[in-house]
Amino acid sequence: MAKPTDELYVRYMRAYDDSVQHGIECAACRSDQDCREGARLYEHFARLQDAYRARQAKRKP
């Protein structure tokens, strides 16, 4: 039987990939300029990372 998928982790990693890919493709982000879409993607990633890490911390004895 397959192990259940951790949906929060999947969303967190997808947000990371989206943020990194945008940073590779966006000329403004590559030159450290302000980019509304890049900021939105990074904030989404950061919120999911915080949620995932908080949940992991609760699981530790």
Protein backbone atom coordinates (compact mmCIF):
# COMPACT_ATOMS: atom_id res chain seq x y z
CA MET A 1 0.00 0.00 0.00
CA ALA A 2 1.28 3.46 -0.91
CA LYS A 3 2.27 5.90 1.79
CA PRO A 4 -0.17 8.82 2.15
CA THR A 5 0.99 12.02 0.49
CA ASP A 6 1.80 14.97 2.73
CA GLU A 7 -0.14 17.66 0.86
CA LEU A 8 1.38 20.55 2.81
CA TYR A 9 4.88 19.36 1.97
CA VAL A 10 3.97 18.92 -1.70
CA ARG A 11 2.52 22.45 -1.85
CA TYR A 12 5.59 23.84 -0.03
CA MET A 13 8.00 22.20 -2.47
CA ARG A 14 5.91 23.25 -5.49
CA ALA A 15 5.98 26.85 -4.24
CA TYR A 16 9.76 26.60 -3.84
CA ASP A 17 10.14 25.29 -7.38
CA ASP A 18 7.88 28.05 -8.74
CA SER A 19 9.87 30.73 -6.92
CA VAL A 20 13.23 29.38 -8.08
CA GLN A 21 12.06 28.94 -11.68
CA HIS A 22 10.72 32.49 -11.76
CA GLY A 23 14.04 33.78 -10.44
CA ILE A 24 15.84 31.99 -13.28
CA GLU A 25 13.51 33.27 -15.99
CA CYS A 26 12.80 36.84 -14.80
CA ALA A 27 15.32 39.48 -15.89
CA ALA A 28 14.29 41.82 -13.07
CA CYS A 29 14.75 39.15 -10.41
CA ARG A 30 18.10 38.10 -11.85
CA SER A 31 19.33 41.69 -11.49
CA ASP A 32 17.90 42.13 -7.96
CA GLN A 33 15.23 44.61 -9.06
CA ASP A 34 11.73 44.74 -7.62
CA CYS A 35 9.36 42.30 -9.27
CA ARG A 36 5.75 42.02 -8.12
CA GLU A 37 5.32 38.44 -9.37
CA GLY A 38 8.63 37.32 -7.85
CA ALA A 39 7.68 38.85 -4.50
CA ARG A 40 4.27 37.14 -4.61
CA LEU A 41 5.81 33.76 -5.39
CA TYR A 42 8.43 34.11 -2.65
CA GLU A 43 5.84 35.18 -0.06
CA HIS A 44 3.67 32.19 -0.96
CA PHE A 45 6.69 29.89 -0.55
CA ALA A 46 7.65 31.52 2.77
CA ARG A 47 4.13 31.13 4.22
CA LEU A 48 4.01 27.46 3.28
CA GLN A 49 7.52 26.89 4.64
CA ASP A 50 6.56 28.50 7.94
CA ALA A 51 3.42 26.36 8.16
CA TYR A 52 5.31 23.16 7.36
CA ARG A 53 8.11 23.89 9.83
CA ALA A 54 5.66 24.83 12.58
CA ARG A 55 3.81 21.56 12.06
CA GLN A 56 7.07 19.61 12.12
CA ALA A 57 8.11 21.32 15.36
CA LYS A 58 4.83 20.24 16.98
CA ARG A 59 5.53 16.62 16.06
CA LYS A 60 8.90 16.48 17.84
CA PRO A 61 8.85 14.97 21.35
